[in-house]
C-alpha cells in the first residue's frame, strides 16, 4: 500500500453546503504501485447550534487519477466538520493526512415543524407553532402573513407580523367575525427566510 499521506491539505468553504478541498500530490515513489486516485473522508462533528452527533457517519469521496482538489457537496449549514485525505493504489489506501477541521456558515432554516390554530372567537384566533427541525443557524425571528378569503375565494389585503424567535404562540386580535383567514408562516436566520407552511382557519359566526 502507499507509504505516505498527502500533505498541505487545505479546505476552502464556498457556501453553507459546499466546500473545496486541496492537497499536495504524494511523491510517485511513495505510491508503491499504480496511482488510482485520492480518497477524502469527511464527517460532521456537531451542529454549531449546540447539538453534538451521537452517531458519526463518515462519508467518502474518491477523486480519480492525479487530481489535487475536489468538491464536497451536500454539507449541512452551520456545522463543524472534519476531513482527511488518503492516496489509493491497486492494493489499497495509504495513511490518512492529519484531520482538518472546517465550519460551514449559516443557511436558511427549514419550515416551522407545525402551525396549529385554536380557540376561535368572534374576533381572535390563537396560533401555536414548533421551531424548525433544521434551524441551519441562529433563528432571528418568525414571519407571519395572513389575509382574509371571501366567499368567492378572493384574497383580501395581506398583513405581515414579525415575531421574536423565542416565542411559540400568539393571539391574533381584531379580526372580523365569521371570516376565513389564510396564514403563511416561516422562520428566519440572518441569511434569510426559510420555506413557509400555510394554514387556514375561521373566526366564529356569533356567540
C-alpha atoms as a PDB file:
ATOM      1  CA  UNK A   1       0.000   0.000   0.000  1.00  0.00           C
ATOM      2  CA  UNK A   2       1.126   3.642  -0.370  1.00  0.00           C
ATOM      3  CA  UNK A   3       3.639   4.861   2.245  1.00  0.00           C
ATOM      4  CA  UNK A   4       2.789   8.495   2.891  1.00  0.00           C
ATOM      5  CA  UNK A   5      -0.260  10.715   3.327  1.00  0.00           C
ATOM      6  CA  UNK A   6      -0.979  13.713   1.079  1.00  0.00           C
ATOM      7  CA  UNK A   7       0.410  16.919   2.609  1.00  0.00           C
ATOM      8  CA  UNK A   8      -0.724  20.523   2.883  1.00  0.00           C
ATOM      9  CA  UNK A   9      -4.453  19.723   2.991  1.00  0.00           C
ATOM     10  CA  UNK A  10      -6.487  22.959   2.701  1.00  0.00           C
ATOM     11  CA  UNK A  11     -10.256  23.477   2.855  1.00  0.00           C
ATOM     12  CA  UNK A  12     -11.999  26.415   1.206  1.00  0.00           C
ATOM     13  CA  UNK A  13     -15.628  26.759   2.336  1.00  0.00           C
ATOM     14  CA  UNK A  14     -17.658  28.094  -0.614  1.00  0.00           C
ATOM     15  CA  UNK A  15     -21.122  28.345   0.960  1.00  0.00           C
ATOM     16  CA  UNK A  16     -23.262  26.718   3.657  1.00  0.00           C
ATOM     17  CA  UNK A  17     -23.473  23.374   1.805  1.00  0.00           C
ATOM     18  CA  UNK A  18     -20.311  23.241  -0.360  1.00  0.00           C
ATOM     19  CA  UNK A  19     -16.556  23.164   0.298  1.00  0.00           C
ATOM     20  CA  UNK A  20     -13.484  22.636  -1.870  1.00  0.00           C
ATOM     21  CA  UNK A  21     -10.517  20.616  -0.596  1.00  0.00           C
ATOM     22  CA  UNK A  22      -6.932  20.864  -1.958  1.00  0.00           C
ATOM     23  CA  UNK A  23      -3.890  18.695  -1.239  1.00  0.00           C
ATOM     24  CA  UNK A  24      -0.314  18.257  -2.464  1.00  0.00           C
ATOM     25  CA  UNK A  25       0.326  15.106  -4.531  1.00  0.00           C
ATOM     26  CA  UNK A  26       2.454  12.426  -2.855  1.00  0.00           C
ATOM     27  CA  UNK A  27       5.858  11.660  -4.415  1.00  0.00           C
ATOM     28  CA  UNK A  28       5.477   8.993  -7.126  1.00  0.00           C
ATOM     29  CA  UNK A  29       7.969   6.618  -5.432  1.00  0.00           C
ATOM     30  CA  UNK A  30       5.856   6.501  -2.251  1.00  0.00           C
ATOM     31  CA  UNK A  31       2.750   5.289  -4.123  1.00  0.00           C
ATOM     32  CA  UNK A  32       4.430   1.832  -4.464  1.00  0.00           C
ATOM     33  CA  UNK A  33       2.207   0.858  -7.366  1.00  0.00           C
ATOM     34  CA  UNK A  34      -0.283   2.353  -9.806  1.00  0.00           C
ATOM     35  CA  UNK A  35      -1.786   5.643  -8.558  1.00  0.00           C
ATOM     36  CA  UNK A  36      -5.562   5.203  -8.735  1.00  0.00           C
ATOM     37  CA  UNK A  37      -6.534   8.447  -7.024  1.00  0.00           C
ATOM     38  CA  UNK A  38      -7.222  10.104  -3.701  1.00  0.00           C
ATOM     39  CA  UNK A  39      -9.967   9.488  -1.155  1.00  0.00           C
ATOM     40  CA  UNK A  40     -11.416  12.232   1.031  1.00  0.00           C
ATOM     41  CA  UNK A  41     -13.053  11.042   4.262  1.00  0.00           C
ATOM     42  CA  UNK A  42     -15.294  13.664   5.872  1.00  0.00           C
ATOM     43  CA  UNK A  43     -17.840  13.685   8.694  1.00  0.00           C
ATOM     44  CA  UNK A  44     -19.963  16.100  10.692  1.00  0.00           C
ATOM     45  CA  UNK A  45     -18.736  16.583  14.253  1.00  0.00           C
ATOM     46  CA  UNK A  46     -21.544  18.782  15.532  1.00  0.00           C
ATOM     47  CA  UNK A  47     -24.153  21.347  14.682  1.00  0.00           C
ATOM     48  CA  UNK A  48     -22.992  24.816  15.783  1.00  0.00           C
ATOM     49  CA  UNK A  49     -26.402  25.372  17.355  1.00  0.00           C
ATOM     50  CA  UNK A  50     -25.048  23.069  20.065  1.00  0.00           C
ATOM     51  CA  UNK A  51     -26.273  19.585  19.223  1.00  0.00           C
ATOM     52  CA  UNK A  52     -23.421  17.057  19.091  1.00  0.00           C
ATOM     53  CA  UNK A  53     -23.617  13.984  16.914  1.00  0.00           C
ATOM     54  CA  UNK A  54     -24.058  10.773  18.847  1.00  0.00           C
ATOM     55  CA  UNK A  55     -23.809   8.801  15.624  1.00  0.00           C
ATOM     56  CA  UNK A  56     -20.982   9.945  13.362  1.00  0.00           C
ATOM     57  CA  UNK A  57     -21.408   8.876   9.770  1.00  0.00           C
ATOM     58  CA  UNK A  58     -18.210   9.087   7.725  1.00  0.00           C
ATOM     59  CA  UNK A  59     -18.622   9.888   4.061  1.00  0.00           C
ATOM     60  CA  UNK A  60     -16.040   9.044   1.409  1.00  0.00           C
ATOM     61  CA  UNK A  61     -15.460  10.709  -1.956  1.00  0.00           C
ATOM     62  CA  UNK A  62     -12.961   9.269  -4.441  1.00  0.00           C
ATOM     63  CA  UNK A  63     -11.151  11.531  -6.900  1.00  0.00           C
ATOM     64  CA  UNK A  64      -9.567   9.527  -9.709  1.00  0.00           C
ATOM     65  CA  UNK A  65      -6.059   9.864 -11.064  1.00  0.00           C
ATOM     66  CA  UNK A  66      -3.634  12.582 -10.045  1.00  0.00           C
ATOM     67  CA  UNK A  67      -6.228  15.226  -9.143  1.00  0.00           C
ATOM     68  CA  UNK A  68      -5.145  17.502  -6.295  1.00  0.00           C
ATOM     69  CA  UNK A  69      -8.512  19.025  -5.402  1.00  0.00           C
ATOM     70  CA  UNK A  70     -12.165  18.055  -5.123  1.00  0.00           C
ATOM     71  CA  UNK A  71     -15.585  19.412  -4.173  1.00  0.00           C
ATOM     72  CA  UNK A  72     -17.578  18.274  -1.127  1.00  0.00           C
ATOM     73  CA  UNK A  73     -21.289  18.901  -1.870  1.00  0.00           C
ATOM     74  CA  UNK A  74     -24.327  18.313   0.340  1.00  0.00           C
ATOM     75  CA  UNK A  75     -22.884  19.639   3.601  1.00  0.00           C
ATOM     76  CA  UNK A  76     -25.199  20.772   6.384  1.00  0.00           C
ATOM     77  CA  UNK A  77     -25.217  24.517   7.138  1.00  0.00           C
ATOM     78  CA  UNK A  78     -23.913  25.898  10.444  1.00  0.00           C
ATOM     79  CA  UNK A  79     -21.931  22.763  11.303  1.00  0.00           C
ATOM     80  CA  UNK A  80     -18.418  21.688  12.242  1.00  0.00           C
ATOM     81  CA  UNK A  81     -16.775  19.025  10.056  1.00  0.00           C
ATOM     82  CA  UNK A  82     -13.527  17.068   9.984  1.00  0.00           C
ATOM     83  CA  UNK A  83     -11.795  15.560   6.959  1.00  0.00           C
ATOM     84  CA  UNK A  84      -8.653  13.749   5.915  1.00  0.00           C
ATOM     85  CA  UNK A  85      -7.166  12.616   2.600  1.00  0.00           C
ATOM     86  CA  UNK A  86      -5.540   9.297   1.619  1.00  0.00           C
ATOM     87  CA  UNK A  87      -3.823   8.118  -1.550  1.00  0.00           C
ATOM     88  CA  UNK A  88      -5.020   4.900  -3.234  1.00  0.00           C
ATOM     89  CA  UNK A  89      -3.185   2.318  -5.363  1.00  0.00           C
ATOM     90  CA  UNK A  90      -4.284  -1.092  -6.679  1.00  0.00           C
ATOM     91  CA  UNK A  91      -3.547  -2.689  -3.306  1.00  0.00           C
ATOM     92  CA  UNK A  92      -5.389  -0.249  -1.048  1.00  0.00           C
ATOM     93  CA  UNK A  93      -5.166   3.083   0.794  1.00  0.00           C
ATOM     94  CA  UNK A  94      -2.180   4.815   2.311  1.00  0.00           C
ATOM     95  CA  UNK A  95      -2.175   6.539   5.715  1.00  0.00           C
ATOM     96  CA  UNK A  96      -4.589   9.412   6.402  1.00  0.00           C
ATOM     97  CA  UNK A  97      -3.460  13.017   6.463  1.00  0.00           C
ATOM     98  CA  UNK A  98      -3.993  14.770   9.843  1.00  0.00           C
ATOM     99  CA  UNK A  99      -7.673  15.628  10.424  1.00  0.00           C
ATOM    100  CA  UNK A 100      -8.596  19.096   9.235  1.00  0.00           C
ATOM    101  CA  UNK A 101     -11.496  20.924  10.927  1.00  0.00           C
ATOM    102  CA  UNK A 102     -13.752  23.302   8.990  1.00  0.00           C
ATOM    103  CA  UNK A 103     -17.059  25.023   9.676  1.00  0.00           C
ATOM    104  CA  UNK A 104     -19.946  25.796   7.341  1.00  0.00           C
ATOM    105  CA  UNK A 105     -21.745  29.164   7.657  1.00  0.00           C
ATOM    106  CA  UNK A 106     -25.424  29.659   8.474  1.00  0.00           C
ATOM    107  CA  UNK A 107     -28.101  28.826   5.925  1.00  0.00           C
ATOM    108  CA  UNK A 108     -31.851  29.441   5.785  1.00  0.00           C
ATOM    109  CA  UNK A 109     -33.970  27.307   8.168  1.00  0.00           C
ATOM    110  CA  UNK A 110     -36.351  24.510   7.269  1.00  0.00           C
ATOM    111  CA  UNK A 111     -40.048  25.292   7.674  1.00  0.00           C
ATOM    112  CA  UNK A 112     -41.515  25.515  11.205  1.00  0.00           C
ATOM    113  CA  UNK A 113     -42.311  21.960  12.350  1.00  0.00           C
ATOM    114  CA  UNK A 114     -46.046  22.716  12.757  1.00  0.00           C
ATOM    115  CA  UNK A 115     -48.621  25.522  12.875  1.00  0.00           C
ATOM    116  CA  UNK A 116     -51.819  24.966  14.888  1.00  0.00           C
ATOM    117  CA  UNK A 117     -54.717  27.419  15.047  1.00  0.00           C
ATOM    118  CA  UNK A 118     -57.062  27.045  18.021  1.00  0.00           C
ATOM    119  CA  UNK A 119     -59.572  28.868  20.251  1.00  0.00           C
ATOM    120  CA  UNK A 120     -61.551  30.764  17.619  1.00  0.00           C
ATOM    121  CA  UNK A 121     -63.673  33.617  18.996  1.00  0.00           C
ATOM    122  CA  UNK A 122     -65.626  36.351  17.201  1.00  0.00           C
ATOM    123  CA  UNK A 123     -62.513  38.448  16.613  1.00  0.00           C
ATOM    124  CA  UNK A 124     -59.466  36.370  17.587  1.00  0.00           C
ATOM    125  CA  UNK A 125     -57.528  33.184  16.826  1.00  0.00           C
ATOM    126  CA  UNK A 126     -54.695  31.553  18.795  1.00  0.00           C
ATOM    127  CA  UNK A 127     -51.646  30.368  16.862  1.00  0.00           C
ATOM    128  CA  UNK A 128     -49.130  27.832  18.189  1.00  0.00           C
ATOM    129  CA  UNK A 129     -46.058  26.589  16.347  1.00  0.00           C
ATOM    130  CA  UNK A 130     -42.944  24.463  16.607  1.00  0.00           C
ATOM    131  CA  UNK A 131     -39.442  25.600  15.745  1.00  0.00           C
ATOM    132  CA  UNK A 132     -37.800  24.267  12.546  1.00  0.00           C
ATOM    133  CA  UNK A 133     -36.306  20.766  12.730  1.00  0.00           C
ATOM    134  CA  UNK A 134     -33.212  22.131  10.967  1.00  0.00           C
ATOM    135  CA  UNK A 135     -32.602  25.729  12.067  1.00  0.00           C
ATOM    136  CA  UNK A 136     -29.354  25.795   9.997  1.00  0.00           C
ATOM    137  CA  UNK A 137     -28.206  28.781  12.056  1.00  0.00           C
ATOM    138  CA  UNK A 138     -29.441  31.089  14.799  1.00  0.00           C
ATOM    139  CA  UNK A 139     -33.140  31.896  14.391  1.00  0.00           C
ATOM    140  CA  UNK A 140     -33.676  35.663  14.364  1.00  0.00           C
ATOM    141  CA  UNK A 141     -37.475  35.796  14.029  1.00  0.00           C
ATOM    142  CA  UNK A 142     -40.632  34.293  12.614  1.00  0.00           C
ATOM    143  CA  UNK A 143     -42.654  35.988   9.878  1.00  0.00           C
ATOM    144  CA  UNK A 144     -46.436  35.575   9.922  1.00  0.00           C
ATOM    145  CA  UNK A 145     -48.503  36.786   6.964  1.00  0.00           C
ATOM    146  CA  UNK A 146     -52.272  36.422   6.802  1.00  0.00           C
ATOM    147  CA  UNK A 147     -55.202  37.600   4.726  1.00  0.00           C
ATOM    148  CA  UNK A 148     -58.979  37.079   4.674  1.00  0.00           C
ATOM    149  CA  UNK A 149     -60.572  34.882   2.000  1.00  0.00           C
ATOM    150  CA  UNK A 150     -64.109  35.861   0.983  1.00  0.00           C
ATOM    151  CA  UNK A 151     -66.883  33.544  -0.223  1.00  0.00           C
ATOM    152  CA  UNK A 152     -65.741  33.761  -3.833  1.00  0.00           C
ATOM    153  CA  UNK A 153     -62.229  32.734  -2.735  1.00  0.00           C
ATOM    154  CA  UNK A 154     -60.763  36.155  -3.429  1.00  0.00           C
ATOM    155  CA  UNK A 155     -57.905  37.091  -1.133  1.00  0.00           C
ATOM    156  CA  UNK A 156     -58.084  40.300   0.889  1.00  0.00           C
ATOM    157  CA  UNK A 157     -55.198  42.578   1.963  1.00  0.00           C
ATOM    158  CA  UNK A 158     -52.098  40.811   3.310  1.00  0.00           C
ATOM    159  CA  UNK A 159     -50.924  41.660   6.846  1.00  0.00           C
ATOM    160  CA  UNK A 160     -47.356  40.847   7.917  1.00  0.00           C
ATOM    161  CA  UNK A 161     -46.134  40.466  11.516  1.00  0.00           C
ATOM    162  CA  UNK A 162     -42.585  39.814  12.711  1.00  0.00           C
ATOM    163  CA  UNK A 163     -42.450  37.634  15.849  1.00  0.00           C
ATOM    164  CA  UNK A 164     -39.396  37.196  18.146  1.00  0.00           C
ATOM    165  CA  UNK A 165     -37.582  33.874  17.672  1.00  0.00           C
ATOM    166  CA  UNK A 166     -38.157  32.767  21.289  1.00  0.00           C
ATOM    167  CA  UNK A 167     -41.973  32.898  21.022  1.00  0.00           C
ATOM    168  CA  UNK A 168     -44.075  29.796  20.309  1.00  0.00           C
ATOM    169  CA  UNK A 169     -47.636  31.175  20.386  1.00  0.00           C
ATOM    170  CA  UNK A 170     -49.589  34.303  19.569  1.00  0.00           C
ATOM    171  CA  UNK A 171     -53.181  35.524  19.994  1.00  0.00           C
ATOM    172  CA  UNK A 172     -54.313  37.433  16.894  1.00  0.00           C
ATOM    173  CA  UNK A 173     -56.950  40.007  17.854  1.00  0.00           C
ATOM    174  CA  UNK A 174     -59.185  42.487  15.999  1.00  0.00           C
ATOM    175  CA  UNK A 175     -60.138  40.004  13.291  1.00  0.00           C
ATOM    176  CA  UNK A 176     -63.520  40.026  11.520  1.00  0.00           C
ATOM    177  CA  UNK A 177     -66.160  37.592  12.735  1.00  0.00           C
ATOM    178  CA  UNK A 178     -67.242  34.625  10.627  1.00  0.00           C
ATOM    179  CA  UNK A 179     -64.279  35.112   8.318  1.00  0.00           C
ATOM    180  CA  UNK A 180     -61.883  32.573   6.846  1.00  0.00           C
ATOM    181  CA  UNK A 181     -58.222  33.563   7.033  1.00  0.00           C
ATOM    182  CA  UNK A 182     -55.221  32.109   5.248  1.00  0.00           C
ATOM    183  CA  UNK A 183     -51.886  32.054   7.130  1.00  0.00           C
ATOM    184  CA  UNK A 184     -48.318  31.824   5.793  1.00  0.00           C
ATOM    185  CA  UNK A 185     -45.604  31.206   8.367  1.00  0.00           C
ATOM    186  CA  UNK A 186     -41.824  30.854   8.191  1.00  0.00           C
ATOM    187  CA  UNK A 187     -38.644  31.248  10.232  1.00  0.00           C
ATOM    188  CA  UNK A 188     -35.600  33.396   9.507  1.00  0.00           C
ATOM    189  CA  UNK A 189     -31.868  33.360  10.203  1.00  0.00           C
ATOM    190  CA  UNK A 190     -29.501  36.223   9.387  1.00  0.00           C
ATOM    191  CA  UNK A 191     -29.118  34.639   5.924  1.00  0.00           C
ATOM    192  CA  UNK A 192     -32.805  34.849   5.019  1.00  0.00           C
ATOM    193  CA  UNK A 193     -36.252  33.260   5.186  1.00  0.00           C
ATOM    194  CA  UNK A 194     -36.856  29.522   5.192  1.00  0.00           C
ATOM    195  CA  UNK A 195     -39.717  27.707   3.484  1.00  0.00           C
ATOM    196  CA  UNK A 196     -43.201  28.518   4.749  1.00  0.00           C
ATOM    197  CA  UNK A 197     -46.123  26.456   5.932  1.00  0.00           C
ATOM    198  CA  UNK A 198     -49.705  27.539   5.283  1.00  0.00           C
ATOM    199  CA  UNK A 199     -52.920  27.011   7.249  1.00  0.00           C
ATOM    200  CA  UNK A 200     -56.487  28.282   7.134  1.00  0.00           C
ATOM    201  CA  UNK A 201     -58.886  28.978   9.982  1.00  0.00           C
ATOM    202  CA  UNK A 202     -62.271  30.656  10.540  1.00  0.00           C
ATOM    203  CA  UNK A 203     -63.398  33.022  13.284  1.00  0.00           C
ATOM    204  CA  UNK A 204     -66.773  32.086  14.792  1.00  0.00           C
ATOM    205  CA  UNK A 205     -70.039  33.432  13.483  1.00  0.00           C
ATOM    206  CA  UNK A 206     -71.709  34.623  16.680  1.00  0.00           C
ATOM    207  CA  UNK A 207     -71.587  33.940  20.386  1.00  0.00           C
END
